[in-house]
Amino acid sequence: MQNFDGEKRERRELMSSRSKLRTLFSIPTLLVAMKVFSEPGVLQ
């Protein structure tokens, strides 16, 4: 029972770090996408 609890905690920490990484990567991607879409000639 103790092992299962520790495993669950490790999985939760892994998921939280993974979501942090995803946020870190999604912010520059959003900035680049906004810059590309705001460039003149793309929307035409």
PDB file of N, CA and C in Angstrom:
ATOM      1  N   MET A   1       0.844  -1.207   0.000  1.00  0.00           N
ATOM      2  CA  MET A   1       0.000   0.000   0.000  1.00  0.00           C
ATOM      3  C   MET A   1       0.877   1.254   0.000  1.00  0.00           C
ATOM      4  N   GLN A   2       1.968   1.197   0.767  1.00  0.00           N
ATOM      5  CA  GLN A   2       2.871   2.351   0.824  1.00  0.00           C
ATOM      6  C   GLN A   2       3.511   2.598  -0.544  1.00  0.00           C
ATOM      7  N   ASN A   3       3.895   1.510  -1.219  1.00  0.00           N
ATOM      8  CA  ASN A   3       4.540   1.631  -2.525  1.00  0.00           C
ATOM      9  C   ASN A   3       3.590   2.268  -3.538  1.00  0.00           C
ATOM     10  N   PHE A   4       2.325   1.861  -3.480  1.00  0.00           N
ATOM     11  CA  PHE A   4       1.336   2.401  -4.417  1.00  0.00           C
ATOM     12  C   PHE A   4       1.148   3.897  -4.203  1.00  0.00           C
ATOM     13  N   ASP A   5       1.168   4.314  -2.935  1.00  0.00           N
ATOM     14  CA  ASP A   5       0.992   5.737  -2.626  1.00  0.00           C
ATOM     15  C   ASP A   5       2.173   6.551  -3.160  1.00  0.00           C
ATOM     16  N   GLY A   6       3.383   6.034  -2.966  1.00  0.00           N
ATOM     17  CA  GLY A   6       4.570   6.732  -3.461  1.00  0.00           C
ATOM     18  C   GLY A   6       4.562   6.814  -4.977  1.00  0.00           C
ATOM     19  N   GLU A   7       4.104   5.733  -5.626  1.00  0.00           N
ATOM     20  CA  GLU A   7       4.048   5.721  -7.085  1.00  0.00           C
ATOM     21  C   GLU A   7       3.074   6.780  -7.587  1.00  0.00           C
ATOM     22  N   LYS A   8       1.947   6.907  -6.897  1.00  0.00           N
ATOM     23  CA  LYS A   8       0.943   7.895  -7.305  1.00  0.00           C
ATOM     24  C   LYS A   8       1.513   9.308  -7.166  1.00  0.00           C
ATOM     25  N   ARG A   9       2.276   9.540  -6.080  1.00  0.00           N
ATOM     26  CA  ARG A   9       2.848  10.863  -5.855  1.00  0.00           C
ATOM     27  C   ARG A   9       3.875  11.186  -6.945  1.00  0.00           C
ATOM     28  N   GLU A  10       4.701  10.184  -7.290  1.00  0.00           N
ATOM     29  CA  GLU A  10       5.705  10.405  -8.337  1.00  0.00           C
ATOM     30  C   GLU A  10       5.036  10.735  -9.659  1.00  0.00           C
ATOM     31  N   ARG A  11       3.955  10.032  -9.967  1.00  0.00           N
ATOM     32  CA  ARG A  11       3.259  10.268 -11.229  1.00  0.00           C
ATOM     33  C   ARG A  11       2.681  11.680 -11.249  1.00  0.00           C
ATOM     34  N   ARG A  12       2.158  12.132 -10.102  1.00  0.00           N
ATOM     35  CA  ARG A  12       1.571  13.476 -10.040  1.00  0.00           C
ATOM     36  C   ARG A  12       2.659  14.530 -10.266  1.00  0.00           C
ATOM     37  N   GLU A  13       3.846  14.326  -9.654  1.00  0.00           N
ATOM     38  CA  GLU A  13       4.946  15.277  -9.835  1.00  0.00           C
ATOM     39  C   GLU A  13       5.402  15.293 -11.286  1.00  0.00           C
ATOM     40  N   LEU A  14       5.431  14.124 -11.915  1.00  0.00           N
ATOM     41  CA  LEU A  14       5.839  14.041 -13.312  1.00  0.00           C
ATOM     42  C   LEU A  14       4.855  14.799 -14.193  1.00  0.00           C
ATOM     43  N   MET A  15       3.569  14.654 -13.924  1.00  0.00           N
ATOM     44  CA  MET A  15       2.555  15.338 -14.722  1.00  0.00           C
ATOM     45  C   MET A  15       2.666  16.846 -14.545  1.00  0.00           C
ATOM     46  N   SER A  16       2.924  17.303 -13.314  1.00  0.00           N
ATOM     47  CA  SER A  16       3.007  18.744 -13.071  1.00  0.00           C
ATOM     48  C   SER A  16       4.232  19.330 -13.774  1.00  0.00           C
ATOM     49  N   SER A  17       5.354  18.608 -13.746  1.00  0.00           N
ATOM     50  CA  SER A  17       6.553  19.107 -14.428  1.00  0.00           C
ATOM     51  C   SER A  17       6.345  19.094 -15.928  1.00  0.00           C
ATOM     52  N   ARG A  18       5.595  18.094 -16.412  1.00  0.00           N
ATOM     53  CA  ARG A  18       5.331  18.016 -17.846  1.00  0.00           C
ATOM     54  C   ARG A  18       4.458  19.180 -18.282  1.00  0.00           C
ATOM     55  N   SER A  19       3.477  19.544 -17.459  1.00  0.00           N
ATOM     56  CA  SER A  19       2.604  20.671 -17.809  1.00  0.00           C
ATOM     57  C   SER A  19       3.395  21.977 -17.766  1.00  0.00           C
ATOM     58  N   LYS A  20       4.365  22.065 -16.837  1.00  0.00           N
ATOM     59  CA  LYS A  20       5.213  23.263 -16.796  1.00  0.00           C
ATOM     60  C   LYS A  20       6.023  23.370 -18.080  1.00  0.00           C
ATOM     61  N   LEU A  21       6.573  22.243 -18.537  1.00  0.00           N
ATOM     62  CA  LEU A  21       7.347  22.241 -19.778  1.00  0.00           C
ATOM     63  C   LEU A  21       6.470  22.650 -20.947  1.00  0.00           C
ATOM     64  N   ARG A  22       5.230  22.122 -20.958  1.00  0.00           N
ATOM     65  CA  ARG A  22       4.320  22.442 -22.053  1.00  0.00           C
ATOM     66  C   ARG A  22       4.016  23.936 -22.065  1.00  0.00           C
ATOM     67  N   THR A  23       3.829  24.533 -20.883  1.00  0.00           N
ATOM     68  CA  THR A  23       3.561  25.976 -20.807  1.00  0.00           C
ATOM     69  C   THR A  23       4.775  26.752 -21.294  1.00  0.00           C
ATOM     70  N   LEU A  24       5.974  26.287 -20.910  1.00  0.00           N
ATOM     71  CA  LEU A  24       7.204  26.958 -21.327  1.00  0.00           C
ATOM     72  C   LEU A  24       7.343  26.965 -22.840  1.00  0.00           C
ATOM     73  N   PHE A  25       6.953  25.845 -23.482  1.00  0.00           N
ATOM     74  CA  PHE A  25       7.090  25.757 -24.931  1.00  0.00           C
ATOM     75  C   PHE A  25       5.947  26.448 -25.655  1.00  0.00           C
ATOM     76  N   SER A  26       4.771  26.526 -25.028  1.00  0.00           N
ATOM     77  CA  SER A  26       3.611  27.081 -25.725  1.00  0.00           C
ATOM     78  C   SER A  26       3.661  28.604 -25.767  1.00  0.00           C
ATOM     79  N   ILE A  27       4.333  29.232 -24.805  1.00  0.00           N
ATOM     80  CA  ILE A  27       4.390  30.701 -24.783  1.00  0.00           C
ATOM     81  C   ILE A  27       5.177  31.251 -25.983  1.00  0.00           C
ATOM     82  N   PRO A  28       6.400  30.774 -26.259  1.00  0.00           N
ATOM     83  CA  PRO A  28       7.109  31.271 -27.451  1.00  0.00           C
ATOM     84  C   PRO A  28       6.375  30.921 -28.733  1.00  0.00           C
ATOM     85  N   THR A  29       5.755  29.741 -28.773  1.00  0.00           N
ATOM     86  CA  THR A  29       5.009  29.346 -29.967  1.00  0.00           C
ATOM     87  C   THR A  29       3.871  30.313 -30.214  1.00  0.00           C
ATOM     88  N   LEU A  30       3.172  30.702 -29.141  1.00  0.00           N
ATOM     89  CA  LEU A  30       2.082  31.674 -29.277  1.00  0.00           C
ATOM     90  C   LEU A  30       2.611  33.013 -29.775  1.00  0.00           C
ATOM     91  N   LEU A  31       3.741  33.449 -29.223  1.00  0.00           N
ATOM     92  CA  LEU A  31       4.310  34.740 -29.640  1.00  0.00           C
ATOM     93  C   LEU A  31       4.687  34.713 -31.115  1.00  0.00           C
ATOM     94  N   VAL A  32       5.319  33.629 -31.550  1.00  0.00           N
ATOM     95  CA  VAL A  32       5.716  33.514 -32.956  1.00  0.00           C
ATOM     96  C   VAL A  32       4.485  33.476 -33.847  1.00  0.00           C
ATOM     97  N   ALA A  33       3.463  32.734 -33.432  1.00  0.00           N
ATOM     98  CA  ALA A  33       2.241  32.640 -34.233  1.00  0.00           C
ATOM     99  C   ALA A  33       1.576  34.007 -34.357  1.00  0.00           C
ATOM    100  N   MET A  34       1.529  34.753 -33.251  1.00  0.00           N
ATOM    101  CA  MET A  34       0.919  36.086 -33.285  1.00  0.00           C
ATOM    102  C   MET A  34       1.711  37.004 -34.211  1.00  0.00           C
ATOM    103  N   LYS A  35       3.041  36.909 -34.156  1.00  0.00           N
ATOM    104  CA  LYS A  35       3.880  37.753 -35.009  1.00  0.00           C
ATOM    105  C   LYS A  35       3.655  37.405 -36.478  1.00  0.00           C
ATOM    106  N   VAL A  36       3.595  36.111 -36.773  1.00  0.00           N
ATOM    107  CA  VAL A  36       3.410  35.679 -38.163  1.00  0.00           C
ATOM    108  C   VAL A  36       2.051  36.131 -38.674  1.00  0.00           C
ATOM    109  N   PHE A  37       1.004  35.966 -37.850  1.00  0.00           N
ATOM    110  CA  PHE A  37      -0.345  36.322 -38.302  1.00  0.00           C
ATOM    111  C   PHE A  37      -0.528  37.836 -38.388  1.00  0.00           C
ATOM    112  N   SER A  38       0.247  38.589 -37.618  1.00  0.00           N
ATOM    113  CA  SER A  38       0.106  40.045 -37.655  1.00  0.00           C
ATOM    114  C   SER A  38       0.898  40.655 -38.808  1.00  0.00           C
ATOM    115  N   GLU A  39       1.778  39.857 -39.431  1.00  0.00           N
ATOM    116  CA  GLU A  39       2.549  40.369 -40.572  1.00  0.00           C
ATOM    117  C   GLU A  39       1.605  40.699 -41.719  1.00  0.00           C
ATOM    118  N   PRO A  40       1.810  41.806 -42.405  1.00  0.00           N
ATOM    119  CA  PRO A  40       0.946  42.156 -43.532  1.00  0.00           C
ATOM    120  C   PRO A  40       1.163  41.217 -44.715  1.00  0.00           C
ATOM    121  N   GLY A  41       0.061  40.848 -45.354  1.00  0.00           N
ATOM    122  CA  GLY A  41       0.158  39.963 -46.502  1.00  0.00           C
ATOM    123  C   GLY A  41      -0.241  38.539 -46.172  1.00  0.00           C
ATOM    124  N   VAL A  42      -0.246  38.157 -44.884  1.00  0.00           N
ATOM    125  CA  VAL A  42      -0.603  36.786 -44.524  1.00  0.00           C
ATOM    126  C   VAL A  42      -2.114  36.617 -44.552  1.00  0.00           C
ATOM    127  N   LEU A  43      -2.832  37.643 -44.085  1.00  0.00           N
ATOM    128  CA  LEU A  43      -4.283  37.533 -43.987  1.00  0.00           C
ATOM    129  C   LEU A  43      -4.970  37.731 -45.334  1.00  0.00           C
ATOM    130  N   GLN A  44      -4.251  38.277 -46.312  1.00  0.00           N
ATOM    131  CA  GLN A  44      -4.889  38.556 -47.605  1.00  0.00           C
ATOM    132  C   GLN A  44      -4.992  37.306 -48.461  1.00  0.00           C
TER     133      GLN A  44
END
